[in-house]
Amino acid sequence: MARHRVDDIAAALGVRWEGDGGIELARAAAPADATEDALAVAMDPAYAEALGRGAARAAILWDGADWRALGLEAAIFVTRPRYAMAQLTDRFAPRPDLAAGIHPSAVIDPSARIGNDVAIAPFVVVGEGAVIGDGARIMSHTSIAAGTEIGAGALLHPGVRIGPRVRIGARFIAQPNAVIAADGFSFVTPEPGAIEQVRATLGAEVTQRQSSYARIHSLGRVVIGDDVEIGAGSCIDQATLAETVIGDGTKIDNLVQIGHNVQIGRDCLICGQSGIAGSTRLGDRVVLGGQSGVTDHVEIGDDVIAGGGTLFRTSQPAGRVMLGDPAMSMQQSIETYKALRRLPRFMRQMAEFKKSVSKTGDTD
């Protein structure tokens, strides 16, 4: 297990430290659980008491903390804790124990091109004409279909499925069982049916019935930029004729569905259990909270931020902060929710008022 000195950790984080910078640490831990070889993570005064229940010699603390009074031998100080956590956890995160080379059980098509220092684990399948960039790490039971290109430094966790003709940039990460370039969910009936009638009349008239469905196959591909991460169990559908696009730096959480022909911009954040229906466009830096949804053929502008459970039924201009179903401004959604909670009391008051008016009328 790799060990890191206090002064090296502080230098990597770009922050100051005090005390014995030579203390070597094997891991990061919660304050109460920290042993002598662990860096206690206590970046808020609320965690000060817990430090006394652990055995840490060194801790990462809030700026201005009195580390000596906390019984420590060394301390690292941060002003932006969550950003520091990103750097700190990256330093202590275990790396896949996978040496460069191709395991004998892997099935690699002779026409595939494998870069330098690539590691391919047991039971991996790489299809005809696929290209794997330098330094990629392909974990067990992953399949990469024909004609797919994956950039340098990729990390594909076990069970990832990548379909044909996908183009992926550098430093791509796919968590277990992510699926890229599945066939899009697109079907049509031989004759106009109830769905088309509902869409045309908004449900005012439904005289048709649905019949059997014919699949519209996906002939396009998926294009993914640099520094993209796809969460476990998430699915990105292949385009019908053109491209489904995920922009540079976008991060997609677990159990997210991206429909066919969707285009997502740069540095977007799509949280767990969200769904984006086909042919929708998201601008740059869009944030969708968990269980958010976007209906098909709408456009969401740059820098839109949506709280958890938001449902977009219409296009939205850039810069809006949205919440609710249907999506509305976050402040308006909160006020609407407050009014909804007051509705039962209001209805009881109305009933009492009607009774009083009725009694007054009977007296007259």
Protein backbone atom coordinates (compact mmCIF):
# COMPACT_ATOMS: atom_id res chain seq x y z
CA MET A 1 0.00 0.00 0.00
CA ALA A 2 1.39 3.38 -1.03
CA ARG A 3 2.13 5.87 1.74
CA HIS A 4 2.10 9.66 1.42
CA ARG A 5 3.90 12.27 3.50
CA VAL A 6 1.96 15.16 5.02
CA ASP A 7 4.07 17.76 3.21
CA ASP A 8 3.62 15.94 -0.14
CA ILE A 9 -0.14 15.85 0.30
CA ALA A 10 -0.25 19.58 1.10
CA ALA A 11 1.92 20.36 -1.93
CA ALA A 12 -0.38 18.32 -4.19
CA LEU A 13 -3.40 20.22 -2.83
CA GLY A 14 -1.63 23.56 -3.10
CA VAL A 15 -2.34 24.44 0.54
CA ARG A 16 -0.28 25.11 3.67
CA TRP A 17 0.63 22.67 6.42
CA GLU A 18 2.17 22.85 9.91
CA GLY A 19 3.86 20.40 12.26
CA ASP A 20 5.74 17.25 11.29
CA GLY A 21 5.54 17.13 7.51
CA GLY A 22 7.36 13.80 7.39
CA ILE A 23 4.52 11.74 8.87
CA GLU A 24 3.61 9.00 6.41
CA LEU A 25 -0.04 8.15 5.85
CA ALA A 26 -1.61 5.13 4.18
CA ARG A 27 -5.22 6.26 3.90
CA ALA A 28 -7.79 8.95 4.66
CA ALA A 29 -10.47 8.31 7.27
CA ALA A 30 -13.31 9.84 9.26
CA PRO A 31 -11.95 11.51 12.45
CA ALA A 32 -13.32 8.97 14.92
CA ASP A 33 -12.10 6.04 12.79
CA ALA A 34 -8.63 7.35 12.02
CA THR A 35 -5.67 5.24 13.14
CA GLU A 36 -2.10 6.49 13.49
CA ASP A 37 -1.35 5.86 9.82
CA ALA A 38 -4.54 7.61 8.58
CA LEU A 39 -5.14 11.24 7.68
CA ALA A 40 -8.24 12.34 9.61
CA VAL A 41 -10.61 14.34 7.44
CA ALA A 42 -12.07 17.06 9.68
CA MET A 43 -12.50 20.13 7.49
CA ASP A 44 -15.26 21.68 9.58
CA PRO A 45 -15.29 22.62 13.30
CA ALA A 46 -18.23 20.25 13.74
CA TYR A 47 -15.76 17.35 13.46
CA ALA A 48 -13.38 18.61 16.17
CA GLU A 49 -14.93 16.51 18.94
CA ALA A 50 -14.68 13.33 16.89
CA LEU A 51 -10.92 13.78 16.50
CA GLY A 52 -10.50 12.97 20.18
CA ARG A 53 -12.15 9.59 19.67
CA GLY A 54 -9.68 8.56 16.99
CA ALA A 55 -5.93 8.03 17.06
CA ALA A 56 -4.86 10.27 14.16
CA ARG A 57 -1.47 11.95 14.30
CA ALA A 58 -2.32 14.23 11.33
CA ALA A 59 -5.52 15.74 9.99
CA ILE A 60 -6.81 17.92 7.21
CA LEU A 61 -8.57 20.81 8.94
CA TRP A 62 -10.51 24.02 8.36
CA ASP A 63 -8.43 27.15 7.95
CA GLY A 64 -7.52 28.66 11.31
CA ALA A 65 -7.95 25.49 13.39
CA ASP A 66 -5.72 25.10 16.48
CA TRP A 67 -4.19 21.75 15.58
CA ARG A 68 -2.04 21.54 18.71
CA ALA A 69 -5.07 21.93 20.96
CA LEU A 70 -6.65 19.06 19.04
CA GLY A 71 -3.77 16.79 20.03
CA LEU A 72 -2.28 16.47 16.54
CA GLU A 73 1.32 16.31 15.39
CA ALA A 74 0.65 17.83 11.96
CA ALA A 75 -2.16 19.50 10.09
CA ILE A 76 -3.11 20.51 6.54
CA PHE A 77 -5.39 23.54 6.16
CA VAL A 78 -7.99 24.08 3.43
CA THR A 79 -10.43 26.86 2.60
CA ARG A 80 -12.60 24.97 0.09
CA PRO A 81 -13.26 21.57 1.67
CA ARG A 82 -15.18 19.81 -1.09
CA TYR A 83 -12.63 20.76 -3.72
CA ALA A 84 -9.89 19.57 -1.42
CA MET A 85 -11.76 16.26 -1.08
CA ALA A 86 -11.62 15.77 -4.84
CA GLN A 87 -7.84 16.10 -4.82
CA LEU A 88 -7.37 14.18 -1.58
CA THR A 89 -9.47 11.19 -2.58
CA ASP A 90 -7.72 11.07 -5.94
CA ARG A 91 -4.41 10.71 -4.12
CA PHE A 92 -5.59 7.88 -1.87
CA ALA A 93 -7.93 6.14 -4.32
CA PRO A 94 -6.91 2.56 -5.12
CA ARG A 95 -5.86 2.05 -8.73
CA PRO A 96 -6.99 -1.03 -10.63
CA ASP A 97 -4.38 -3.70 -10.12
CA LEU A 98 -4.03 -4.50 -13.80
CA ALA A 99 -0.62 -4.70 -15.40
CA ALA A 100 -0.12 -3.78 -19.05
CA GLY A 101 -0.69 -6.68 -21.40
CA ILE A 102 -3.47 -8.81 -22.81
CA HIS A 103 -4.82 -11.72 -20.77
CA PRO A 104 -4.84 -15.02 -22.66
CA SER A 105 -8.61 -15.39 -22.26
CA ALA A 106 -9.33 -12.07 -24.00
CA VAL A 107 -10.66 -12.29 -27.56
CA ILE A 108 -9.06 -9.59 -29.71
CA ASP A 109 -9.85 -9.41 -33.41
CA PRO A 110 -6.62 -9.47 -35.45
CA SER A 111 -7.58 -6.20 -37.16
CA ALA A 112 -8.00 -4.31 -33.87
CA ARG A 113 -5.28 -1.79 -33.02
CA ILE A 114 -4.12 -1.80 -29.41
CA GLY A 115 -2.00 1.14 -28.17
CA ASN A 116 1.06 1.14 -25.96
CA ASP A 117 0.85 0.12 -22.28
CA VAL A 118 -2.74 -1.06 -22.63
CA ALA A 119 -4.05 -3.51 -20.01
CA ILE A 120 -6.77 -5.94 -21.05
CA ALA A 121 -8.25 -8.20 -18.36
CA PRO A 122 -9.78 -11.69 -18.64
CA PHE A 123 -12.77 -12.35 -20.92
CA VAL A 124 -12.63 -9.02 -22.72
CA VAL A 125 -13.84 -8.97 -26.34
CA VAL A 126 -12.55 -6.39 -28.84
CA GLY A 127 -14.18 -6.37 -32.26
CA GLU A 128 -13.00 -5.94 -35.80
CA GLY A 129 -11.20 -2.69 -36.57
CA ALA A 130 -11.55 -1.33 -33.03
CA VAL A 131 -8.88 1.10 -31.79
CA ILE A 132 -7.77 1.25 -28.13
CA GLY A 133 -5.63 4.26 -27.17
CA ASP A 134 -2.38 4.25 -25.21
CA GLY A 135 -2.56 3.48 -21.50
CA ALA A 136 -6.17 2.27 -21.54
CA ARG A 137 -7.26 -0.20 -18.87
CA ILE A 138 -10.03 -2.59 -19.90
CA MET A 139 -11.40 -4.61 -16.99
CA SER A 140 -12.90 -8.08 -17.17
CA HIS A 141 -16.03 -9.06 -19.12
CA THR A 142 -16.04 -5.84 -21.15
CA SER A 143 -16.99 -5.89 -24.82
CA ILE A 144 -16.00 -3.34 -27.47
CA ALA A 145 -17.72 -3.74 -30.80
CA ALA A 146 -16.39 -3.37 -34.32
CA GLY A 147 -15.11 -0.01 -35.51
CA THR A 148 -15.14 1.66 -32.09
CA GLU A 149 -12.34 4.07 -31.19
CA ILE A 150 -11.37 4.72 -27.56
CA GLY A 151 -8.87 7.46 -26.65
CA ALA A 152 -5.79 7.32 -24.47
CA GLY A 153 -6.02 6.74 -20.73
CA ALA A 154 -9.49 5.19 -20.71
CA LEU A 155 -10.69 3.11 -17.76
CA LEU A 156 -13.50 0.66 -18.47
CA HIS A 157 -14.74 -1.12 -15.37
CA PRO A 158 -16.08 -4.71 -15.46
CA GLY A 159 -19.06 -5.46 -17.64
CA VAL A 160 -19.02 -2.32 -19.78
CA ARG A 161 -20.67 -2.78 -23.19
CA ILE A 162 -19.72 -0.50 -26.07
CA GLY A 163 -21.51 -0.90 -29.39
CA PRO A 164 -20.25 -0.44 -32.94
CA ARG A 165 -18.62 2.65 -34.47
CA VAL A 166 -18.53 4.61 -31.21
CA ARG A 167 -15.90 7.35 -30.98
CA ILE A 168 -14.64 8.15 -27.47
CA GLY A 169 -12.06 10.77 -26.46
CA ALA A 170 -9.20 10.65 -23.97
CA ARG A 171 -9.37 9.79 -20.26
CA PHE A 172 -12.82 8.25 -20.51
CA ILE A 173 -14.20 6.42 -17.46
CA ALA A 174 -17.11 3.98 -17.59
CA GLN A 175 -18.34 2.41 -14.36
CA PRO A 176 -19.52 -1.24 -14.20
CA ASN A 177 -22.26 -2.32 -16.61
CA ALA A 178 -22.54 0.97 -18.45
CA VAL A 179 -23.95 0.47 -21.97
CA ILE A 180 -22.97 2.75 -24.82
CA ALA A 181 -24.63 2.59 -28.26
CA ALA A 182 -27.60 0.38 -27.51
CA ASP A 183 -30.33 0.48 -30.15
CA GLY A 184 -32.59 3.50 -29.66
CA PHE A 185 -36.16 3.08 -28.39
CA SER A 186 -37.96 3.98 -31.59
CA PHE A 187 -41.07 2.19 -32.88
CA VAL A 188 -43.89 2.89 -35.32
CA THR A 189 -47.25 1.28 -36.15
CA PRO A 190 -48.34 0.42 -39.71
CA GLU A 191 -51.28 2.82 -39.49
CA PRO A 192 -51.71 5.99 -37.40
CA GLY A 193 -52.60 4.92 -33.86
CA ALA A 194 -53.70 6.29 -30.51
CA ILE A 195 -50.32 7.80 -29.65
CA GLU A 196 -50.26 9.94 -32.79
CA GLN A 197 -53.88 10.97 -32.22
CA VAL A 198 -53.17 11.97 -28.62
CA ARG A 199 -50.17 14.00 -29.72
CA ALA A 200 -52.21 15.79 -32.39
CA THR A 201 -55.29 16.49 -30.25
CA LEU A 202 -53.68 16.60 -26.78
CA GLY A 203 -56.05 13.86 -25.70
CA ALA A 204 -59.23 15.63 -26.73
CA GLU A 205 -60.11 12.74 -29.01
CA VAL A 206 -58.90 9.13 -28.77
CA THR A 207 -60.71 6.89 -31.23
CA GLN A 208 -57.73 4.95 -32.56
CA ARG A 209 -56.06 1.93 -30.98
CA GLN A 210 -52.43 0.88 -31.00
CA SER A 211 -51.43 -2.04 -33.19
CA SER A 212 -48.22 -4.06 -33.39
CA TYR A 213 -44.96 -2.14 -33.46
CA ALA A 214 -42.20 -2.06 -36.06
CA ARG A 215 -38.72 -1.11 -34.88
CA ILE A 216 -36.87 1.84 -36.39
CA HIS A 217 -33.29 0.61 -36.18
CA SER A 218 -30.44 2.86 -35.09
CA LEU A 219 -27.94 3.29 -37.92
CA GLY A 220 -26.03 6.24 -36.48
CA ARG A 221 -23.40 6.25 -33.76
CA VAL A 222 -22.38 7.72 -30.40
CA VAL A 223 -19.63 10.33 -30.11
CA ILE A 224 -18.16 11.06 -26.66
CA GLY A 225 -15.62 13.82 -25.94
CA ASP A 226 -12.58 13.97 -23.67
CA ASP A 227 -12.74 13.55 -19.86
CA VAL A 228 -16.25 12.12 -19.83
CA GLU A 229 -17.43 9.75 -17.08
CA ILE A 230 -20.41 7.39 -17.35
CA GLY A 231 -21.93 5.88 -14.20
CA ALA A 232 -22.81 2.27 -13.42
CA GLY A 233 -25.81 0.90 -15.26
CA SER A 234 -26.28 4.02 -17.38
CA CYS A 235 -27.30 3.72 -21.04
CA ILE A 236 -26.53 5.95 -24.01
CA ASP A 237 -28.51 5.06 -27.13
CA GLN A 238 -27.14 5.03 -30.63
CA ALA A 239 -28.46 7.70 -32.99
CA THR A 240 -31.02 6.80 -35.63
CA LEU A 241 -29.04 8.22 -38.56
CA ALA A 242 -26.67 10.89 -37.26
CA GLU A 243 -24.92 11.09 -33.85
CA THR A 244 -25.74 10.96 -30.17
CA VAL A 245 -23.18 13.36 -28.66
CA ILE A 246 -21.74 13.75 -25.15
CA GLY A 247 -19.52 16.83 -24.84
CA ASP A 248 -16.09 17.17 -23.24
CA GLY A 249 -15.96 17.01 -19.44
CA THR A 250 -19.55 15.88 -18.94
CA LYS A 251 -20.20 13.59 -15.95
CA ILE A 252 -23.13 11.16 -15.98
CA ASP A 253 -24.22 9.42 -12.77
CA ASN A 254 -25.54 5.88 -12.26
CA LEU A 255 -28.78 4.64 -13.85
CA VAL A 256 -29.15 7.49 -16.32
CA GLN A 257 -30.88 7.03 -19.70
CA ILE A 258 -29.73 9.11 -22.68
CA GLY A 259 -32.01 8.60 -25.68
CA HIS A 260 -31.14 8.40 -29.37
CA ASN A 261 -30.01 11.59 -31.16
CA VAL A 262 -29.56 13.46 -27.87
CA GLN A 263 -26.82 16.09 -27.87
CA ILE A 264 -25.29 17.09 -24.54
CA GLY A 265 -22.81 19.96 -24.28
CA ARG A 266 -19.58 20.41 -22.38
CA ASP A 267 -19.14 20.07 -18.59
CA CYS A 268 -22.71 19.00 -17.89
CA LEU A 269 -23.65 17.11 -14.72
CA ILE A 270 -26.43 14.52 -15.06
CA CYS A 271 -27.38 12.98 -11.70
CA GLY A 272 -28.71 9.51 -10.96
CA GLN A 273 -31.97 8.14 -12.39
CA SER A 274 -32.38 11.07 -14.77
CA GLY A 275 -33.72 10.47 -18.25
CA ILE A 276 -33.26 12.48 -21.43
CA ALA A 277 -35.62 11.56 -24.25
CA GLY A 278 -34.67 11.34 -27.90
CA SER A 279 -33.55 14.27 -30.06
CA THR A 280 -33.21 16.63 -27.11
CA ARG A 281 -30.34 19.13 -26.91
CA LEU A 282 -28.63 20.27 -23.71
CA GLY A 283 -26.25 23.23 -23.76
CA ASP A 284 -22.97 23.56 -21.91
CA ARG A 285 -22.71 23.29 -18.11
CA VAL A 286 -26.29 22.10 -17.65
CA VAL A 287 -26.98 20.42 -14.28
CA LEU A 288 -29.84 17.94 -13.86
CA GLY A 289 -30.51 16.86 -10.28
CA GLY A 290 -31.41 13.25 -9.48
CA GLN A 291 -34.56 11.80 -11.09
CA SER A 292 -34.90 14.74 -13.45
CA GLY A 293 -36.46 14.22 -16.86
CA VAL A 294 -36.41 15.97 -20.21
CA THR A 295 -39.04 15.14 -22.83
CA ASP A 296 -38.17 14.63 -26.46
CA HIS A 297 -37.30 17.31 -29.03
CA VAL A 298 -36.72 20.16 -26.57
CA GLU A 299 -33.70 22.40 -26.07
CA ILE A 300 -32.21 23.33 -22.70
CA GLY A 301 -29.90 26.35 -22.82
CA ASP A 302 -26.42 26.78 -21.39
CA ASP A 303 -25.99 26.94 -17.59
CA VAL A 304 -29.51 25.77 -16.73
CA ILE A 305 -29.58 24.15 -13.27
CA ALA A 306 -32.45 21.86 -12.30
CA GLY A 307 -33.13 20.53 -8.81
CA GLY A 308 -33.93 16.88 -8.17
CA GLY A 309 -37.14 15.57 -9.71
CA THR A 310 -37.53 18.41 -12.21
CA LEU A 311 -39.42 17.54 -15.40
CA PHE A 312 -38.81 19.65 -18.49
CA ARG A 313 -41.75 19.49 -20.91
CA THR A 314 -40.72 22.57 -22.91
CA SER A 315 -37.52 24.24 -24.07
CA GLN A 316 -35.74 26.58 -21.67
CA PRO A 317 -33.47 29.57 -22.30
CA ALA A 318 -29.96 29.78 -20.89
CA GLY A 319 -29.22 30.47 -17.23
CA ARG A 320 -32.47 29.46 -15.59
CA VAL A 321 -32.65 27.71 -12.19
CA MET A 322 -35.58 25.31 -12.28
CA LEU A 323 -37.48 22.90 -10.04
CA GLY A 324 -40.65 20.86 -10.02
CA ASP A 325 -43.08 19.08 -12.33
CA PRO A 326 -43.73 20.84 -14.58
CA ALA A 327 -40.43 22.73 -14.43
CA MET A 328 -40.70 26.31 -13.21
CA SER A 329 -38.34 28.75 -11.59
CA MET A 330 -37.03 27.34 -8.33
CA GLN A 331 -38.49 30.19 -6.24
CA GLN A 332 -41.87 29.82 -7.89
CA SER A 333 -41.81 26.05 -7.41
CA ILE A 334 -41.05 26.44 -3.70
CA GLU A 335 -43.89 28.93 -3.28
CA THR A 336 -46.23 26.61 -5.19
CA TYR A 337 -45.27 23.70 -2.95
CA LYS A 338 -45.89 25.81 0.15
CA ALA A 339 -49.31 26.78 -1.20
CA LEU A 340 -50.09 23.13 -1.93
CA ARG A 341 -49.28 22.16 1.65
CA ARG A 342 -51.64 24.89 2.91
CA LEU A 343 -54.44 23.72 0.59
CA PRO A 344 -56.06 21.19 3.01
CA ARG A 345 -56.25 23.82 5.74
CA PHE A 346 -57.68 26.31 3.25
CA MET A 347 -60.33 23.80 2.15
CA ARG A 348 -61.34 23.16 5.78
CA GLN A 349 -61.66 26.91 6.31
CA MET A 350 -63.77 27.22 3.17
CA ALA A 351 -66.04 24.41 4.36
CA GLU A 352 -66.48 26.13 7.74
CA PHE A 353 -67.19 29.43 5.98
CA LYS A 354 -69.83 27.79 3.77
CA LYS A 355 -71.48 26.30 6.86
CA SER A 356 -71.57 29.67 8.60
CA VAL A 357 -73.03 31.37 5.51
CA SER A 358 -75.64 28.59 5.19
CA LYS A 359 -76.69 28.96 8.83
CA THR A 360 -76.97 32.72 8.42
CA GLY A 361 -79.21 32.21 5.41
CA ASP A 362 -81.46 29.76 7.33
CA THR A 363 -81.88 32.28 10.15
CA ASP A 364 -82.97 34.96 7.75
